[in-house]
Amino acid sequence: MYRQSSVSSGSWPRWIVGSMLVFAGSTAMAQSPVSLPRADGSEITYYVKQAASQPAKQLLVIMQGSDCNSVRNNPRIQEMFVPMLPNADVLTVEKYGVDASLAWNPEDYRTDCPIPTMLYDSLSQRVQDYSAVLKALQKQHGYAHVVVMGGEEGAITAVMLAAESDIVEASIAFNGGGRWFRDDVVYSEVSQLPADLNPDYVKGIHEQLDFLAGNSPPHAIVGVHGMKWWKEKLAHDQQAAVMKVDTPLLVIQAEQDTSVSPIAVQQMVNEVRAAGRTNVHYKTYPDLDHVFEDAQGENHMGTVINDMKTWLLEAVPPQS
């Protein structure tokens, strides 16, 4: 099996390892894991954090980014967003091959990412897993309102799930990038380099992406992702997915983001609006970056969450 074992060799630029959207903190989630079988014999691992002793009427589904980490060990991923729906149960789902035994690692690249995760994790696999879990939970609890949200790759997954699910009532996608992943990759790389960047460098990025999208070895692993992940990300049309969403969708973009292209996001939203999709709402934060920090390093995630909550109260009014 081929594996690109190091990103420091210069063979691949930094963007191959994926990026993640996390926030400071150290409190791990306490709920017990629940398993659900997949068709291939593996198991989906998920967690439901109940707001009270009995299941709530609302379910908040939180989707992590593209990093190789256990969602259970992600610092404060649930606590950070609970104020959005304070009386809701909270669902998180592990990626293929991951469970809580995978220790938290904030680095983009890690050498202990499980082989099954690198080979089989993908956008479609994540959507399948969330769909299966939601179907099981609805059969068990019958939630009146289901809201999904995510940042970065979690934003893309949230939109995809909302596009195909008849359970999801509203969704929030923040800092998830524009129509094509390729555009975000190039923007991310070029935005942090000199303005007189050699055109051959950009050409090289496209050549590497062409390799990953095309005839790369099927079991190759580049960064912490296998070819299934790369091919799906590069082929995915996020604008088409947004157009398929019929329920309220809030797209959020920080305009100082250098991990994805705010320009591409604006173009995508313009196209969606031109097509008459009034269910898609767009909010920007001109002075904030990918993790919602300003130029002085002050984090404004609290403000963003309050804005999400305000929007949700209009999109999904509380059930009496």
Protein backbone atom coordinates (compact mmCIF):
# COMPACT_ATOMS: atom_id res chain seq x y z
CA MET A 1 0.00 0.00 0.00
CA TYR A 2 1.27 3.44 -0.92
CA ARG A 3 1.18 6.04 1.77
CA GLN A 4 2.49 9.58 1.77
CA SER A 5 3.99 9.41 5.25
CA SER A 6 5.27 12.92 5.67
CA VAL A 7 4.17 16.36 4.53
CA SER A 8 7.50 17.91 5.42
CA SER A 9 9.32 16.34 2.51
CA GLY A 10 8.10 19.00 0.10
CA SER A 11 6.32 16.49 -2.15
CA TRP A 12 2.93 17.83 -1.18
CA PRO A 13 1.86 21.24 0.12
CA ARG A 14 0.28 21.66 3.53
CA TRP A 15 -3.32 21.50 2.30
CA ILE A 16 -3.22 17.73 1.73
CA VAL A 17 -3.67 17.00 5.41
CA GLY A 18 -7.12 18.59 5.65
CA SER A 19 -8.16 21.25 8.09
CA MET A 20 -10.34 21.35 11.14
CA LEU A 21 -12.50 23.81 12.95
CA VAL A 22 -12.13 23.47 16.71
CA PHE A 23 -12.26 25.79 19.65
CA ALA A 24 -10.27 26.05 22.83
CA GLY A 25 -11.29 23.94 25.79
CA SER A 26 -10.59 20.68 27.57
CA THR A 27 -13.92 19.18 28.58
CA ALA A 28 -14.60 15.83 26.89
CA MET A 29 -18.11 14.62 26.29
CA ALA A 30 -19.43 12.23 28.91
CA GLN A 31 -22.21 10.24 27.22
CA SER A 32 -21.82 6.53 26.47
CA PRO A 33 -21.26 5.31 22.90
CA VAL A 34 -24.00 3.54 20.98
CA SER A 35 -23.30 1.22 18.04
CA LEU A 36 -25.25 0.63 14.86
CA PRO A 37 -24.16 -1.94 12.25
CA ARG A 38 -23.20 -1.01 8.72
CA ALA A 39 -23.89 -3.26 5.75
CA ASP A 40 -20.18 -4.14 5.46
CA GLY A 41 -20.06 -5.51 9.02
CA SER A 42 -18.37 -2.52 10.62
CA GLU A 43 -20.12 -0.39 13.22
CA ILE A 44 -21.21 3.23 13.40
CA THR A 45 -20.43 4.73 16.78
CA TYR A 46 -22.53 7.65 17.95
CA TYR A 47 -23.42 9.59 21.09
CA VAL A 48 -26.65 11.22 22.23
CA LYS A 49 -26.36 13.76 25.00
CA GLN A 50 -29.82 14.22 26.50
CA ALA A 51 -30.89 17.63 27.76
CA ALA A 52 -32.99 16.02 30.51
CA SER A 53 -33.89 12.62 31.93
CA GLN A 54 -36.32 12.09 29.06
CA PRO A 55 -35.65 12.61 25.34
CA ALA A 56 -36.23 16.20 24.23
CA LYS A 57 -38.51 17.34 21.44
CA GLN A 58 -35.56 18.78 19.53
CA LEU A 59 -32.35 17.15 18.32
CA LEU A 60 -29.22 19.14 17.43
CA VAL A 61 -26.83 17.24 15.16
CA ILE A 62 -23.25 18.54 15.21
CA MET A 63 -20.82 17.48 12.48
CA GLN A 64 -17.06 17.75 12.84
CA GLY A 65 -14.60 18.82 10.15
CA SER A 66 -12.12 16.79 8.12
CA ASP A 67 -9.58 16.12 10.88
CA CYS A 68 -8.78 12.60 12.05
CA ASN A 69 -10.06 12.75 15.63
CA SER A 70 -12.72 11.18 17.79
CA VAL A 71 -15.67 13.55 17.98
CA ARG A 72 -16.12 12.46 21.59
CA ASN A 73 -12.66 13.76 22.45
CA ASN A 74 -13.09 17.04 20.57
CA PRO A 75 -12.80 19.75 23.24
CA ARG A 76 -16.14 21.40 23.94
CA ILE A 77 -17.64 20.62 20.53
CA GLN A 78 -21.01 20.09 22.17
CA GLU A 79 -20.76 22.57 25.02
CA MET A 80 -19.86 25.34 22.58
CA PHE A 81 -23.07 24.98 20.55
CA VAL A 82 -25.59 23.94 23.24
CA PRO A 83 -26.84 27.57 23.73
CA MET A 84 -28.24 27.43 20.19
CA LEU A 85 -30.87 24.91 21.28
CA PRO A 86 -30.50 24.71 25.07
CA ASN A 87 -33.36 22.23 25.51
CA ALA A 88 -32.34 19.92 22.71
CA ASP A 89 -30.66 16.54 22.78
CA VAL A 90 -27.31 16.56 20.95
CA LEU A 91 -26.11 13.93 18.47
CA THR A 92 -22.55 13.39 17.30
CA VAL A 93 -21.33 10.54 15.08
CA GLU A 94 -17.82 9.15 14.75
CA LYS A 95 -16.19 8.75 11.36
CA TYR A 96 -15.60 5.31 9.89
CA GLY A 97 -13.09 3.37 11.98
CA VAL A 98 -12.89 5.92 14.82
CA ASP A 99 -13.96 5.58 18.43
CA ALA A 100 -13.10 7.31 21.70
CA SER A 101 -9.85 5.32 22.03
CA LEU A 102 -8.30 7.69 19.48
CA ALA A 103 -6.73 10.38 21.62
CA TRP A 104 -7.27 14.02 20.78
CA ASN A 105 -4.55 15.49 18.56
CA PRO A 106 -4.82 19.13 17.42
CA GLU A 107 -2.20 18.67 14.69
CA ASP A 108 -3.42 18.54 11.10
CA TYR A 109 -1.33 15.48 10.34
CA ARG A 110 -1.05 12.49 12.65
CA THR A 111 0.64 9.13 12.11
CA ASP A 112 -1.87 7.14 14.19
CA CYS A 113 -5.01 7.85 12.18
CA PRO A 114 -6.73 4.44 11.82
CA ILE A 115 -6.14 2.76 8.48
CA PRO A 116 -9.88 1.97 8.01
CA THR A 117 -10.64 5.66 8.51
CA MET A 118 -8.14 6.76 5.90
CA LEU A 119 -9.35 4.15 3.41
CA TYR A 120 -13.11 4.38 3.84
CA ASP A 121 -14.03 7.77 5.32
CA SER A 122 -15.70 10.00 2.74
CA LEU A 123 -18.52 12.49 2.31
CA SER A 124 -20.95 9.82 1.15
CA GLN A 125 -20.02 7.49 3.99
CA ARG A 126 -20.60 10.20 6.56
CA VAL A 127 -24.00 11.07 5.08
CA GLN A 128 -24.98 7.39 5.04
CA ASP A 129 -23.97 7.02 8.67
CA TYR A 130 -25.87 10.11 9.82
CA SER A 131 -28.93 9.03 7.84
CA ALA A 132 -28.90 5.57 9.44
CA VAL A 133 -28.50 6.98 12.95
CA LEU A 134 -31.23 9.60 12.48
CA LYS A 135 -33.61 6.95 11.15
CA ALA A 136 -32.96 4.79 14.21
CA LEU A 137 -33.33 7.70 16.63
CA GLN A 138 -36.53 8.91 15.03
CA LYS A 139 -38.00 5.45 15.33
CA GLN A 140 -36.99 5.37 18.98
CA HIS A 141 -37.72 8.93 20.11
CA GLY A 142 -39.68 10.69 17.38
CA TYR A 143 -38.02 14.11 17.62
CA ALA A 144 -40.33 16.92 16.53
CA HIS A 145 -37.45 19.11 15.29
CA VAL A 146 -34.07 18.00 13.91
CA VAL A 147 -31.42 20.65 13.21
CA VAL A 148 -28.04 19.81 11.66
CA MET A 149 -24.97 22.00 11.68
CA GLY A 150 -21.28 21.82 10.93
CA GLY A 151 -18.18 23.77 10.01
CA GLU A 152 -15.65 23.17 7.23
CA GLU A 153 -16.21 19.59 5.98
CA GLY A 154 -18.98 19.30 8.56
CA ALA A 155 -20.74 22.14 6.73
CA ILE A 156 -20.58 20.23 3.45
CA THR A 157 -21.88 17.09 5.14
CA ALA A 158 -24.71 19.01 6.81
CA VAL A 159 -25.86 20.40 3.46
CA MET A 160 -25.69 16.98 1.81
CA LEU A 161 -27.75 15.42 4.60
CA ALA A 162 -30.31 18.21 4.51
CA ALA A 163 -30.60 17.79 0.74
CA GLU A 164 -31.61 14.13 0.96
CA SER A 165 -33.29 13.80 4.35
CA ASP A 166 -36.98 14.18 5.14
CA ILE A 167 -36.11 14.32 8.85
CA VAL A 168 -33.91 17.44 8.89
CA GLU A 169 -35.97 20.60 9.46
CA ALA A 170 -33.20 23.21 9.32
CA SER A 171 -29.44 23.29 8.78
CA ILE A 172 -26.47 25.59 9.38
CA ALA A 173 -23.25 25.43 7.37
CA PHE A 174 -20.37 27.67 8.39
CA ASN A 175 -17.02 28.27 6.71
CA GLY A 176 -17.61 25.30 4.41
CA GLY A 177 -16.25 26.80 1.22
CA GLY A 178 -17.68 27.41 -2.21
CA ARG A 179 -18.96 25.24 -5.01
CA TRP A 180 -15.76 23.32 -5.72
CA PHE A 181 -13.21 22.01 -3.21
CA ARG A 182 -10.46 22.61 -5.78
CA ASP A 183 -11.09 26.36 -5.69
CA ASP A 184 -10.87 26.38 -1.91
CA VAL A 185 -7.61 24.41 -1.95
CA VAL A 186 -5.98 26.80 -4.42
CA TYR A 187 -7.26 29.85 -2.56
CA SER A 188 -6.04 28.49 0.76
CA GLU A 189 -2.57 27.90 -0.61
CA VAL A 190 -2.21 31.14 -2.58
CA SER A 191 -3.81 33.47 -0.01
CA GLN A 192 -0.95 32.93 2.41
CA LEU A 193 1.87 33.33 -0.08
CA PRO A 194 3.46 36.38 -1.82
CA ALA A 195 1.40 38.24 -4.40
CA ASP A 196 4.03 37.60 -7.10
CA LEU A 197 3.64 33.85 -6.71
CA ASN A 198 5.08 31.91 -9.62
CA PRO A 199 2.20 30.69 -11.85
CA ASP A 200 4.00 27.34 -12.06
CA TYR A 201 3.26 26.83 -8.37
CA VAL A 202 -0.49 27.10 -8.92
CA LYS A 203 -0.16 24.88 -11.96
CA GLY A 204 1.58 22.33 -9.74
CA ILE A 205 -1.30 22.38 -7.27
CA HIS A 206 -3.76 21.66 -10.06
CA GLU A 207 -1.58 18.84 -11.35
CA GLN A 208 -1.50 17.23 -7.91
CA LEU A 209 -5.26 17.60 -7.57
CA ASP A 210 -5.72 16.11 -11.03
CA PHE A 211 -3.65 13.13 -9.92
CA LEU A 212 -5.78 12.66 -6.80
CA ALA A 213 -9.00 13.01 -8.77
CA GLY A 214 -7.91 10.73 -11.57
CA ASN A 215 -5.69 7.70 -11.81
CA SER A 216 -4.06 7.70 -8.38
CA PRO A 217 -3.54 4.24 -6.80
CA PRO A 218 -6.87 3.19 -5.24
CA HIS A 219 -5.32 2.36 -1.88
CA ALA A 220 -3.01 5.35 -1.71
CA ILE A 221 -3.21 7.54 1.38
CA VAL A 222 -2.24 11.19 1.12
CA GLY A 223 -2.14 13.14 4.35
CA VAL A 224 -4.76 11.48 6.54
CA HIS A 225 -7.16 10.70 3.69
CA GLY A 226 -7.53 7.90 1.20
CA MET A 227 -8.45 8.14 -2.45
CA LYS A 228 -12.16 7.64 -1.78
CA TRP A 229 -12.13 10.85 0.28
CA TRP A 230 -10.06 12.81 -2.23
CA LYS A 231 -12.05 11.76 -5.27
CA GLU A 232 -15.40 12.53 -3.64
CA LYS A 233 -14.29 15.90 -2.29
CA LEU A 234 -12.90 16.96 -5.67
CA ALA A 235 -15.99 15.78 -7.56
CA HIS A 236 -18.58 17.16 -5.13
CA ASP A 237 -20.68 20.07 -6.41
CA GLN A 238 -21.72 21.93 -3.28
CA GLN A 239 -23.85 24.41 -5.19
CA ALA A 240 -25.92 21.55 -6.61
CA ALA A 241 -26.36 20.15 -3.09
CA VAL A 242 -27.49 23.54 -1.76
CA MET A 243 -30.00 23.78 -4.60
CA LYS A 244 -31.54 20.47 -3.50
CA VAL A 245 -32.20 21.65 0.05
CA ASP A 246 -35.87 22.56 0.49
CA THR A 247 -35.76 23.37 4.21
CA PRO A 248 -34.28 26.50 5.84
CA LEU A 249 -30.50 26.64 5.40
CA LEU A 250 -28.17 29.23 6.90
CA VAL A 251 -24.80 29.61 5.17
CA ILE A 252 -22.23 31.51 7.24
CA GLN A 253 -18.86 32.71 6.00
CA ALA A 254 -16.08 34.62 7.73
CA GLU A 255 -14.61 36.94 5.12
CA GLN A 256 -11.04 36.83 6.47
CA ASP A 257 -11.03 33.04 6.15
CA THR A 258 -7.88 31.74 4.45
CA SER A 259 -8.80 28.05 4.68
CA VAL A 260 -11.64 28.34 2.16
CA SER A 261 -12.48 31.00 -0.40
CA PRO A 262 -15.02 33.62 0.75
CA ILE A 263 -15.11 34.79 -2.87
CA ALA A 264 -16.20 31.35 -4.07
CA VAL A 265 -18.83 31.16 -1.33
CA GLN A 266 -20.29 34.53 -2.36
CA GLN A 267 -20.39 33.41 -6.00
CA MET A 268 -22.19 30.21 -5.03
CA VAL A 269 -24.75 32.09 -2.93
CA ASN A 270 -25.34 34.58 -5.75
CA GLU A 271 -26.10 31.71 -8.14
CA VAL A 272 -28.44 30.09 -5.63
CA ARG A 273 -30.28 33.35 -5.05
CA ALA A 274 -30.53 33.98 -8.78
CA ALA A 275 -32.24 30.61 -9.06
CA GLY A 276 -34.89 31.83 -6.62
CA ARG A 277 -34.02 29.66 -3.62
CA THR A 278 -35.50 31.80 -0.85
CA ASN A 279 -34.93 29.12 1.81
CA VAL A 280 -31.17 29.75 1.70
CA HIS A 281 -29.99 32.54 4.00
CA TYR A 282 -26.48 34.00 4.00
CA LYS A 283 -24.58 35.81 6.72
CA THR A 284 -21.01 37.06 6.62
CA TYR A 285 -18.55 38.31 9.22
CA PRO A 286 -16.24 40.77 7.41
CA ASP A 287 -13.53 41.00 10.08
CA LEU A 288 -13.32 37.38 11.28
CA ASP A 289 -11.22 34.41 10.17
CA HIS A 290 -11.81 30.65 9.87
CA VAL A 291 -12.21 30.19 13.65
CA PHE A 292 -14.09 33.50 14.04
CA GLU A 293 -11.17 35.47 15.46
CA ASP A 294 -10.51 39.12 14.61
CA ALA A 295 -7.15 40.67 13.70
CA GLN A 296 -6.34 41.13 17.41
CA GLY A 297 -6.86 37.43 18.13
CA GLU A 298 -10.14 37.90 20.00
CA ASN A 299 -12.62 35.11 19.39
CA HIS A 300 -16.22 36.03 18.52
CA MET A 301 -17.73 32.56 18.46
CA GLY A 302 -20.22 33.58 21.14
CA THR A 303 -21.62 36.28 18.86
CA VAL A 304 -21.82 33.86 15.95
CA ILE A 305 -23.66 31.29 18.06
CA ASN A 306 -26.13 33.93 19.24
CA ASP A 307 -26.78 34.85 15.62
CA MET A 308 -27.33 31.17 14.80
CA LYS A 309 -29.79 30.93 17.69
CA THR A 310 -31.70 34.02 16.52
CA TRP A 311 -32.00 32.57 13.03
CA LEU A 312 -33.11 29.18 14.35
CA LEU A 313 -35.87 30.75 16.45
CA GLU A 314 -37.31 32.14 13.21
CA ALA A 315 -36.63 29.05 11.09
CA VAL A 316 -37.80 26.48 13.67
CA PRO A 317 -40.16 28.17 16.16
CA PRO A 318 -40.29 26.45 19.57
CA GLN A 319 -43.04 23.87 19.85
CA SER A 320 -45.68 24.84 22.37
